[in-house]
Every structure is written in structure tokens, then in C-alpha cells.
Amino acid sequence: MRILISACLIGRPVRYDGGSKDLDSAILKDWIETGRGVPFCPEVAAGLPTPRLPVEIEPGRDGRDVLAKGARIIDADGQDETAAYRRGADLALAFARAQNCVAALLTDGSPSCGSQAIYDGRFSGQKKPGLGVVAALLRENGVRVFSEREISDAAAWLSSQTEQTDVT
């Protein structure tokens, strides 16, 4: 069983600011080295540049609303970037399916990958509970989503799934 990993967590400079969000974890290192973890960046896959302007989902909404076409993703200059971020989510789901990913370890806070919190939509630097558009789409399609802070939980869950598969 494989796990989709936000590419920025393994040091790839794909974040909006051109940086990464390296996760120093023996679990992550093992997943990458063994091929169990497969890195992916939905924004880069959708053709967005690095660096790029920060974006946030409209206030009071989250990725589920974007999927339902009830919210937009807006950049810091006020431009609607919803189509690109939706395309990135669709590509992430297609990649996860092609790679047989049953779970995803995503960067929290992101309008794409946030699984527990996203920014409030006002570019205030404040977070609120909510899902990014990728996290929402993966969950809707049966992929178990974890934030980078839940890597131990993700490892335990994957282990339990492997054990269940071995028994059947």
C-alpha cells in the first residue's frame, strides 16, 4: 500500500514562496526510500509557477465548497485561481489512483493540502479549521488523509491496513 506525500515535505522547493517544508522523520525517509511514499505537488502539476502569489479559499468556506462550486480560491492580488487549484486536485486524485495510494500525508494550512486547518481567506495569517481542495477531494474518494503532524498516526493506520490485507 502506498501513500501520497506532499512534495514540499521531502524538500522539494514547490511551495508558493519557492521553499519547502522539510519534515525530518525516519518514517517519511523510510517511505520514500522503499517506494511506499510517492511525492506529488498539485500546484506544480497544474502548471502553477514557483514561486507564486499566496492564495486562500474565500472566507467562511473550505475545499469542500470549492468542489461544490460554492467558493473560489483567490490570490493575494484578488485574481481567481480556482480553476488551477481544482485542476491540481483532480490531478492529485488521478495520481493517487494510478499509484495505488490508500492514504495521503499532506501539508496542513495549505488551500490545497490542508487537512485540519486552512488560512481564513482574509490574508490575515490566521488559520481556521477546514480542508483544502486536494484533501477534500481525496477524502471524498476514499483516500485516508493525514497532516504532517499525524505521521505516526498515518504509519499506524497503514500498518493496520497491511495486517488486514495479510489476513484476508
N, C-alpha and C. Protein backbone atom coordinates (compact mmCIF):
# COMPACT_ATOMS: atom_id res chain seq x y z
N MET A 1 0.85 -1.19 0.00
CA MET A 1 0.00 0.00 0.00
C MET A 1 0.89 1.24 0.00
N ARG A 2 0.50 2.20 -0.81
CA ARG A 2 1.32 3.40 -0.97
C ARG A 2 0.62 4.60 -0.35
N ILE A 3 1.44 5.63 -0.12
CA ILE A 3 0.93 6.87 0.47
C ILE A 3 1.43 8.06 -0.35
N LEU A 4 0.50 8.89 -0.75
CA LEU A 4 0.81 10.14 -1.45
C LEU A 4 1.41 11.11 -0.44
N ILE A 5 2.51 11.77 -0.79
CA ILE A 5 3.19 12.69 0.11
C ILE A 5 3.27 14.07 -0.55
N SER A 6 2.92 15.12 0.18
CA SER A 6 3.14 16.48 -0.33
C SER A 6 4.62 16.63 -0.64
N ALA A 7 4.95 16.97 -1.87
CA ALA A 7 6.35 17.04 -2.31
C ALA A 7 7.18 18.01 -1.48
N CYS A 8 6.57 19.05 -0.96
CA CYS A 8 7.33 20.02 -0.15
C CYS A 8 7.85 19.39 1.14
N LEU A 9 7.20 18.33 1.61
CA LEU A 9 7.61 17.68 2.86
C LEU A 9 8.91 16.91 2.71
N ILE A 10 9.30 16.58 1.48
CA ILE A 10 10.56 15.87 1.27
C ILE A 10 11.64 16.81 0.73
N GLY A 11 11.42 18.10 0.86
CA GLY A 11 12.44 19.07 0.50
C GLY A 11 12.35 19.66 -0.89
N ARG A 12 11.36 19.30 -1.64
CA ARG A 12 11.23 19.90 -2.98
C ARG A 12 10.75 21.34 -2.85
N PRO A 13 11.40 22.27 -3.55
CA PRO A 13 11.05 23.69 -3.44
C PRO A 13 9.84 24.06 -4.30
N VAL A 14 8.66 23.63 -3.87
CA VAL A 14 7.45 23.78 -4.67
C VAL A 14 6.39 24.68 -4.01
N ARG A 15 6.68 25.15 -2.79
CA ARG A 15 5.70 25.99 -2.09
C ARG A 15 5.55 27.33 -2.79
N TYR A 16 4.49 28.03 -2.46
CA TYR A 16 4.19 29.32 -3.10
C TYR A 16 5.37 30.29 -3.01
N ASP A 17 6.16 30.21 -1.94
CA ASP A 17 7.28 31.12 -1.76
C ASP A 17 8.59 30.57 -2.33
N GLY A 18 8.51 29.46 -3.04
CA GLY A 18 9.68 28.84 -3.64
C GLY A 18 10.45 27.95 -2.69
N GLY A 19 9.95 27.79 -1.48
CA GLY A 19 10.63 26.97 -0.49
C GLY A 19 10.01 25.60 -0.35
N SER A 20 10.45 24.92 0.69
CA SER A 20 9.90 23.60 1.02
C SER A 20 9.51 23.63 2.49
N LYS A 21 8.97 22.54 2.94
CA LYS A 21 8.59 22.41 4.35
C LYS A 21 9.08 21.04 4.81
N ASP A 22 10.41 20.89 4.80
CA ASP A 22 11.03 19.61 5.10
C ASP A 22 10.51 19.01 6.40
N LEU A 23 10.12 17.76 6.33
CA LEU A 23 9.69 17.02 7.50
C LEU A 23 10.79 16.03 7.85
N ASP A 24 11.47 16.28 8.95
CA ASP A 24 12.56 15.41 9.39
C ASP A 24 11.95 14.25 10.15
N SER A 25 11.79 13.13 9.46
CA SER A 25 11.12 11.98 10.05
C SER A 25 11.71 10.69 9.49
N ALA A 26 12.07 9.78 10.37
CA ALA A 26 12.56 8.47 9.94
C ALA A 26 11.48 7.71 9.18
N ILE A 27 10.22 7.90 9.59
CA ILE A 27 9.11 7.23 8.90
C ILE A 27 9.03 7.70 7.46
N LEU A 28 9.05 9.01 7.27
CA LEU A 28 8.97 9.57 5.92
C LEU A 28 10.17 9.12 5.08
N LYS A 29 11.35 9.16 5.66
CA LYS A 29 12.55 8.74 4.94
C LYS A 29 12.40 7.29 4.48
N ASP A 30 11.91 6.43 5.36
CA ASP A 30 11.71 5.02 5.01
C ASP A 30 10.69 4.88 3.88
N TRP A 31 9.57 5.60 3.99
CA TRP A 31 8.55 5.51 2.94
C TRP A 31 9.11 5.90 1.58
N ILE A 32 9.90 6.97 1.54
CA ILE A 32 10.46 7.43 0.27
C ILE A 32 11.49 6.43 -0.25
N GLU A 33 12.39 5.98 0.63
CA GLU A 33 13.44 5.04 0.20
C GLU A 33 12.88 3.71 -0.29
N THR A 34 11.79 3.25 0.31
CA THR A 34 11.22 1.96 -0.08
C THR A 34 10.21 2.07 -1.22
N GLY A 35 9.88 3.29 -1.62
CA GLY A 35 8.91 3.48 -2.69
C GLY A 35 7.47 3.45 -2.21
N ARG A 36 7.28 3.30 -0.92
CA ARG A 36 5.91 3.31 -0.38
C ARG A 36 5.32 4.72 -0.45
N GLY A 37 6.15 5.72 -0.21
CA GLY A 37 5.71 7.12 -0.30
C GLY A 37 5.99 7.68 -1.67
N VAL A 38 4.99 8.29 -2.28
CA VAL A 38 5.15 8.87 -3.61
C VAL A 38 4.85 10.37 -3.54
N PRO A 39 5.88 11.19 -3.81
CA PRO A 39 5.70 12.65 -3.70
C PRO A 39 4.90 13.22 -4.87
N PHE A 40 4.14 14.28 -4.55
CA PHE A 40 3.31 14.94 -5.56
C PHE A 40 3.02 16.36 -5.09
N CYS A 41 3.06 17.31 -6.00
CA CYS A 41 2.64 18.68 -5.71
C CYS A 41 1.52 19.04 -6.67
N PRO A 42 0.30 19.23 -6.16
CA PRO A 42 -0.83 19.53 -7.06
C PRO A 42 -0.69 20.87 -7.78
N GLU A 43 -0.11 21.86 -7.13
CA GLU A 43 0.02 23.17 -7.77
C GLU A 43 0.99 23.10 -8.95
N VAL A 44 2.12 22.46 -8.75
CA VAL A 44 3.10 22.33 -9.84
C VAL A 44 2.51 21.46 -10.95
N ALA A 45 1.84 20.37 -10.59
CA ALA A 45 1.22 19.50 -11.60
C ALA A 45 0.21 20.26 -12.44
N ALA A 46 -0.47 21.23 -11.82
CA ALA A 46 -1.48 22.02 -12.54
C ALA A 46 -0.85 23.13 -13.38
N GLY A 47 0.48 23.26 -13.31
CA GLY A 47 1.17 24.25 -14.14
C GLY A 47 1.41 25.59 -13.48
N LEU A 48 1.14 25.68 -12.19
CA LEU A 48 1.39 26.95 -11.50
C LEU A 48 2.89 27.13 -11.29
N PRO A 49 3.37 28.39 -11.36
CA PRO A 49 4.80 28.64 -11.20
C PRO A 49 5.23 28.58 -9.73
N THR A 50 6.53 28.44 -9.54
CA THR A 50 7.13 28.53 -8.22
C THR A 50 8.27 29.52 -8.33
N PRO A 51 8.26 30.60 -7.58
CA PRO A 51 7.23 30.98 -6.62
C PRO A 51 5.97 31.52 -7.30
N ARG A 52 4.93 31.69 -6.49
CA ARG A 52 3.65 32.23 -6.96
C ARG A 52 3.03 33.02 -5.82
N LEU A 53 2.03 33.81 -6.14
CA LEU A 53 1.35 34.57 -5.10
C LEU A 53 0.63 33.62 -4.14
N PRO A 54 0.57 33.97 -2.86
CA PRO A 54 -0.22 33.15 -1.94
C PRO A 54 -1.69 33.22 -2.33
N VAL A 55 -2.39 32.14 -2.05
CA VAL A 55 -3.83 32.07 -2.31
C VAL A 55 -4.53 31.57 -1.05
N GLU A 56 -5.81 31.91 -0.95
CA GLU A 56 -6.64 31.42 0.14
C GLU A 56 -8.04 31.17 -0.39
N ILE A 57 -8.72 30.25 0.25
CA ILE A 57 -10.13 30.00 -0.08
C ILE A 57 -10.95 31.10 0.55
N GLU A 58 -11.99 31.54 -0.13
CA GLU A 58 -12.82 32.64 0.36
C GLU A 58 -13.22 32.45 1.82
N PRO A 59 -13.36 33.57 2.54
CA PRO A 59 -13.72 33.48 3.97
C PRO A 59 -14.98 32.67 4.20
N GLY A 60 -14.95 31.88 5.28
CA GLY A 60 -16.11 31.10 5.66
C GLY A 60 -16.31 29.82 4.85
N ARG A 61 -15.38 29.51 3.98
CA ARG A 61 -15.51 28.34 3.09
C ARG A 61 -14.27 27.46 3.22
N ASP A 62 -14.35 26.27 2.63
CA ASP A 62 -13.16 25.43 2.55
C ASP A 62 -13.19 24.63 1.26
N GLY A 63 -12.29 23.65 1.14
CA GLY A 63 -12.16 22.88 -0.09
C GLY A 63 -13.42 22.15 -0.52
N ARG A 64 -14.23 21.73 0.44
CA ARG A 64 -15.50 21.08 0.07
C ARG A 64 -16.39 22.04 -0.70
N ASP A 65 -16.39 23.31 -0.29
CA ASP A 65 -17.18 24.32 -1.00
C ASP A 65 -16.63 24.58 -2.40
N VAL A 66 -15.30 24.57 -2.52
CA VAL A 66 -14.69 24.75 -3.84
C VAL A 66 -15.12 23.61 -4.76
N LEU A 67 -15.10 22.38 -4.27
CA LEU A 67 -15.51 21.24 -5.08
C LEU A 67 -16.98 21.34 -5.50
N ALA A 68 -17.80 21.89 -4.62
CA ALA A 68 -19.23 22.04 -4.90
C ALA A 68 -19.53 23.31 -5.70
N LYS A 69 -18.48 24.01 -6.10
CA LYS A 69 -18.57 25.26 -6.87
C LYS A 69 -19.26 26.37 -6.08
N GLY A 70 -19.12 26.31 -4.75
CA GLY A 70 -19.70 27.33 -3.89
C GLY A 70 -18.67 28.25 -3.27
N ALA A 71 -17.42 28.15 -3.73
CA ALA A 71 -16.35 29.02 -3.21
C ALA A 71 -15.24 29.11 -4.25
N ARG A 72 -14.48 30.17 -4.13
CA ARG A 72 -13.35 30.40 -5.03
C ARG A 72 -12.05 30.40 -4.24
N ILE A 73 -10.97 30.21 -4.95
CA ILE A 73 -9.62 30.36 -4.40
C ILE A 73 -9.03 31.61 -5.05
N ILE A 74 -8.68 32.56 -4.20
CA ILE A 74 -8.27 33.89 -4.66
C ILE A 74 -6.81 34.14 -4.27
N ASP A 75 -6.04 34.77 -5.19
CA ASP A 75 -4.66 35.09 -4.84
C ASP A 75 -4.59 36.45 -4.14
N ALA A 76 -3.42 36.78 -3.64
CA ALA A 76 -3.23 38.00 -2.85
C ALA A 76 -3.53 39.27 -3.64
N ASP A 77 -3.55 39.20 -4.97
CA ASP A 77 -3.91 40.34 -5.81
C ASP A 77 -5.39 40.35 -6.18
N GLY A 78 -6.16 39.38 -5.68
CA GLY A 78 -7.59 39.33 -5.95
C GLY A 78 -7.99 38.54 -7.18
N GLN A 79 -7.04 37.85 -7.81
CA GLN A 79 -7.34 37.07 -9.00
C GLN A 79 -7.90 35.70 -8.63
N ASP A 80 -8.88 35.25 -9.37
CA ASP A 80 -9.49 33.94 -9.15
C ASP A 80 -8.58 32.84 -9.71
N GLU A 81 -8.08 31.99 -8.85
CA GLU A 81 -7.20 30.89 -9.23
C GLU A 81 -7.88 29.53 -9.04
N THR A 82 -9.20 29.55 -8.90
CA THR A 82 -9.94 28.33 -8.60
C THR A 82 -9.70 27.23 -9.62
N ALA A 83 -9.73 27.55 -10.89
CA ALA A 83 -9.60 26.52 -11.93
C ALA A 83 -8.27 25.78 -11.82
N ALA A 84 -7.20 26.50 -11.58
CA ALA A 84 -5.88 25.86 -11.47
C ALA A 84 -5.82 24.96 -10.25
N TYR A 85 -6.36 25.40 -9.13
CA TYR A 85 -6.31 24.59 -7.91
C TYR A 85 -7.25 23.39 -8.00
N ARG A 86 -8.35 23.56 -8.67
CA ARG A 86 -9.25 22.42 -8.89
C ARG A 86 -8.58 21.40 -9.82
N ARG A 87 -7.90 21.91 -10.86
CA ARG A 87 -7.17 21.03 -11.77
C ARG A 87 -6.09 20.26 -11.00
N GLY A 88 -5.39 20.95 -10.10
CA GLY A 88 -4.38 20.28 -9.27
C GLY A 88 -4.97 19.19 -8.40
N ALA A 89 -6.16 19.43 -7.87
CA ALA A 89 -6.84 18.42 -7.05
C ALA A 89 -7.21 17.20 -7.90
N ASP A 90 -7.74 17.45 -9.09
CA ASP A 90 -8.10 16.35 -9.98
C ASP A 90 -6.86 15.52 -10.36
N LEU A 91 -5.75 16.21 -10.61
CA LEU A 91 -4.50 15.52 -10.95
C LEU A 91 -3.97 14.73 -9.76
N ALA A 92 -4.11 15.27 -8.56
CA ALA A 92 -3.67 14.56 -7.35
C ALA A 92 -4.47 13.27 -7.18
N LEU A 93 -5.78 13.34 -7.38
CA LEU A 93 -6.61 12.15 -7.26
C LEU A 93 -6.23 11.12 -8.33
N ALA A 94 -6.03 11.55 -9.55
CA ALA A 94 -5.65 10.64 -10.63
C ALA A 94 -4.30 9.99 -10.34
N PHE A 95 -3.36 10.77 -9.83
CA PHE A 95 -2.04 10.25 -9.48
C PHE A 95 -2.15 9.25 -8.34
N ALA A 96 -2.92 9.59 -7.32
CA ALA A 96 -3.10 8.69 -6.18
C ALA A 96 -3.68 7.36 -6.64
N ARG A 97 -4.65 7.41 -7.51
CA ARG A 97 -5.26 6.18 -8.02
C ARG A 97 -4.24 5.37 -8.85
N ALA A 98 -3.51 6.06 -9.72
CA ALA A 98 -2.54 5.38 -10.58
C ALA A 98 -1.42 4.73 -9.76
N GLN A 99 -1.09 5.33 -8.62
CA GLN A 99 -0.02 4.82 -7.77
C GLN A 99 -0.53 3.90 -6.66
N ASN A 100 -1.82 3.61 -6.68
CA ASN A 100 -2.44 2.75 -5.66
C ASN A 100 -2.25 3.29 -4.24
N CYS A 101 -2.41 4.59 -4.09
CA CYS A 101 -2.29 5.22 -2.78
C CYS A 101 -3.60 5.07 -2.01
N VAL A 102 -3.50 4.54 -0.81
CA VAL A 102 -4.66 4.39 0.05
C VAL A 102 -4.74 5.51 1.08
N ALA A 103 -3.65 6.28 1.18
CA ALA A 103 -3.58 7.37 2.15
C ALA A 103 -2.74 8.50 1.56
N ALA A 104 -2.81 9.65 2.24
CA ALA A 104 -2.02 10.81 1.83
C ALA A 104 -1.53 11.52 3.08
N LEU A 105 -0.28 11.97 3.03
CA LEU A 105 0.32 12.81 4.07
C LEU A 105 0.51 14.18 3.46
N LEU A 106 -0.33 15.13 3.90
CA LEU A 106 -0.39 16.43 3.24
C LEU A 106 0.00 17.57 4.19
N THR A 107 0.47 18.66 3.60
CA THR A 107 0.91 19.83 4.35
C THR A 107 -0.28 20.62 4.85
N ASP A 108 -0.43 20.68 6.15
CA ASP A 108 -1.58 21.39 6.72
C ASP A 108 -1.44 22.90 6.53
N GLY A 109 -2.58 23.58 6.45
CA GLY A 109 -2.62 25.02 6.27
C GLY A 109 -2.79 25.43 4.83
N SER A 110 -2.41 24.59 3.93
CA SER A 110 -2.46 24.89 2.50
C SER A 110 -3.89 24.88 1.97
N PRO A 111 -4.21 25.79 1.03
CA PRO A 111 -5.54 25.77 0.42
C PRO A 111 -5.75 24.53 -0.45
N SER A 112 -4.68 23.84 -0.80
CA SER A 112 -4.78 22.57 -1.49
C SER A 112 -4.76 21.42 -0.51
N CYS A 113 -3.73 21.36 0.30
CA CYS A 113 -3.43 20.16 1.09
C CYS A 113 -3.87 20.20 2.55
N GLY A 114 -4.35 21.32 3.03
CA GLY A 114 -4.76 21.40 4.43
C GLY A 114 -5.79 20.33 4.77
N SER A 115 -5.52 19.59 5.86
CA SER A 115 -6.47 18.54 6.24
C SER A 115 -7.10 18.79 7.60
N GLN A 116 -6.54 19.71 8.35
CA GLN A 116 -7.10 20.09 9.64
C GLN A 116 -7.41 21.58 9.70
N ALA A 117 -6.54 22.37 9.05
CA ALA A 117 -6.71 23.82 9.08
C ALA A 117 -6.27 24.42 7.75
N ILE A 118 -6.89 25.53 7.43
CA ILE A 118 -6.51 26.34 6.28
C ILE A 118 -6.52 27.80 6.73
N TYR A 119 -5.94 28.67 5.93
CA TYR A 119 -5.97 30.09 6.27
C TYR A 119 -7.38 30.64 6.08
N ASP A 120 -7.69 31.71 6.81
CA ASP A 120 -9.08 32.18 6.95
C ASP A 120 -9.68 32.88 5.74
N GLY A 121 -8.90 33.07 4.67
CA GLY A 121 -9.43 33.69 3.46
C GLY A 121 -9.32 35.20 3.43
N ARG A 122 -8.72 35.76 4.45
CA ARG A 122 -8.58 37.22 4.55
C ARG A 122 -7.13 37.67 4.45
N PHE A 123 -6.23 36.73 4.20
CA PHE A 123 -4.79 37.00 4.14
C PHE A 123 -4.31 37.69 5.41
N SER A 124 -4.86 37.25 6.53
CA SER A 124 -4.54 37.83 7.84
C SER A 124 -3.48 37.02 8.58
N GLY A 125 -3.10 35.87 8.03
CA GLY A 125 -2.15 35.00 8.71
C GLY A 125 -2.82 34.09 9.74
N GLN A 126 -4.13 34.17 9.86
CA GLN A 126 -4.87 33.37 10.83
C GLN A 126 -5.42 32.11 10.17
N LYS A 127 -5.35 31.01 10.90
CA LYS A 127 -5.89 29.75 10.40
C LYS A 127 -7.24 29.47 11.05
N LYS A 128 -8.00 28.61 10.38
CA LYS A 128 -9.29 28.16 10.89
C LYS A 128 -9.43 26.69 10.54
N PRO A 129 -10.27 25.96 11.24
CA PRO A 129 -10.49 24.56 10.87
C PRO A 129 -11.05 24.48 9.45
N GLY A 130 -10.59 23.50 8.71
CA GLY A 130 -11.10 23.32 7.36
C GLY A 130 -10.18 22.46 6.52
N LEU A 131 -10.67 22.13 5.34
CA LEU A 131 -9.95 21.29 4.39
C LEU A 131 -9.56 22.08 3.16
N GLY A 132 -8.38 21.78 2.62
CA GLY A 132 -8.01 22.28 1.31
C GLY A 132 -8.72 21.46 0.24
N VAL A 133 -8.63 21.91 -0.98
CA VAL A 133 -9.38 21.27 -2.07
C VAL A 133 -8.85 19.86 -2.38
N VAL A 134 -7.54 19.64 -2.31
CA VAL A 134 -7.00 18.30 -2.56
C VAL A 134 -7.42 17.36 -1.44
N ALA A 135 -7.24 17.80 -0.20
CA ALA A 135 -7.63 16.96 0.94
C ALA A 135 -9.10 16.58 0.85
N ALA A 136 -9.94 17.54 0.50
CA ALA A 136 -11.38 17.27 0.40
C ALA A 136 -11.68 16.26 -0.70
N LEU A 137 -11.06 16.43 -1.86
CA LEU A 137 -11.33 15.52 -2.98
C LEU A 137 -10.81 14.11 -2.68
N LEU A 138 -9.63 14.01 -2.10
CA LEU A 138 -9.11 12.68 -1.75
C LEU A 138 -10.03 11.99 -0.75
N ARG A 139 -10.44 12.72 0.28
CA ARG A 139 -11.34 12.12 1.27
C ARG A 139 -12.65 11.67 0.64
N GLU A 140 -13.21 12.51 -0.23
CA GLU A 140 -14.46 12.14 -0.91
C GLU A 140 -14.33 10.85 -1.71
N ASN A 141 -13.10 10.54 -2.09
CA ASN A 141 -12.86 9.37 -2.93
C ASN A 141 -12.17 8.23 -2.19
N GLY A 142 -12.29 8.23 -0.87
CA GLY A 142 -11.85 7.09 -0.08
C GLY A 142 -10.39 7.03 0.30
N VAL A 143 -9.63 8.09 0.01
CA VAL A 143 -8.22 8.12 0.41
C VAL A 143 -8.15 8.70 1.81
N ARG A 144 -7.48 8.02 2.72
CA ARG A 144 -7.34 8.49 4.10
C ARG A 144 -6.29 9.59 4.13
N VAL A 145 -6.64 10.76 4.68
CA VAL A 145 -5.77 11.94 4.65
C VAL A 145 -5.27 12.24 6.06
N PHE A 146 -3.95 12.49 6.15
CA PHE A 146 -3.29 12.86 7.39
C PHE A 146 -2.48 14.13 7.17
N SER A 147 -2.36 14.96 8.21
CA SER A 147 -1.46 16.12 8.14
C SER A 147 -0.06 15.65 8.50
N GLU A 148 0.93 16.48 8.21
CA GLU A 148 2.30 16.12 8.53
C GLU A 148 2.51 15.90 10.02
N ARG A 149 1.69 16.53 10.85
CA ARG A 149 1.79 16.33 12.30
C ARG A 149 1.24 14.96 12.73
N GLU A 150 0.57 14.29 11.84
CA GLU A 150 -0.03 12.98 12.14
C GLU A 150 0.73 11.82 11.49
N ILE A 151 2.00 12.00 11.22
CA ILE A 151 2.75 10.96 10.51
C ILE A 151 2.78 9.65 11.28
N SER A 152 2.88 9.71 12.60
CA SER A 152 2.85 8.46 13.39
C SER A 152 1.50 7.77 13.28
N ASP A 153 0.43 8.57 13.29
CA ASP A 153 -0.91 8.01 13.10
C ASP A 153 -1.05 7.38 11.71
N ALA A 154 -0.48 8.05 10.71
CA ALA A 154 -0.53 7.53 9.35
C ALA A 154 0.21 6.19 9.26
N ALA A 155 1.37 6.11 9.89
CA ALA A 155 2.15 4.87 9.88
C ALA A 155 1.38 3.74 10.56
N ALA A 156 0.77 4.05 11.70
CA ALA A 156 -0.02 3.04 12.42
C ALA A 156 -1.21 2.59 11.58
N TRP A 157 -1.89 3.53 10.94
CA TRP A 157 -3.04 3.19 10.12
C TRP A 157 -2.62 2.31 8.94
N LEU A 158 -1.53 2.70 8.26
CA LEU A 158 -1.05 1.89 7.13
C LEU A 158 -0.67 0.49 7.59
N SER A 159 -0.04 0.38 8.74
CA SER A 159 0.33 -0.92 9.28
C SER A 159 -0.92 -1.77 9.55
N SER A 160 -1.94 -1.15 10.11
CA SER A 160 -3.18 -1.90 10.38
C SER A 160 -3.85 -2.35 9.08
N GLN A 161 -3.76 -1.53 8.05
CA GLN A 161 -4.35 -1.91 6.76
C GLN A 161 -3.58 -3.05 6.13
N THR A 162 -2.27 -3.02 6.26
CA THR A 162 -1.42 -4.08 5.72
C THR A 162 -1.72 -5.39 6.43
N GLU A 163 -1.87 -5.33 7.77
CA GLU A 163 -2.18 -6.52 8.55
C GLU A 163 -3.54 -7.11 8.13
N GLN A 164 -4.52 -6.23 7.91
CA GLN A 164 -5.84 -6.70 7.49
C GLN A 164 -5.77 -7.38 6.13
N THR A 165 -4.97 -6.83 5.23
CA THR A 165 -4.81 -7.39 3.90
C THR A 165 -4.10 -8.74 3.97
N ASP A 166 -3.10 -8.85 4.86
CA ASP A 166 -2.36 -10.10 5.01
C ASP A 166 -3.25 -11.21 5.56
N VAL A 167 -4.24 -10.85 6.38
CA VAL A 167 -5.13 -11.84 6.99
C VAL A 167 -6.12 -12.39 5.97
N THR A 168 -6.57 -11.53 5.05
CA THR A 168 -7.60 -11.97 4.09
C THR A 168 -7.05 -12.67 2.89
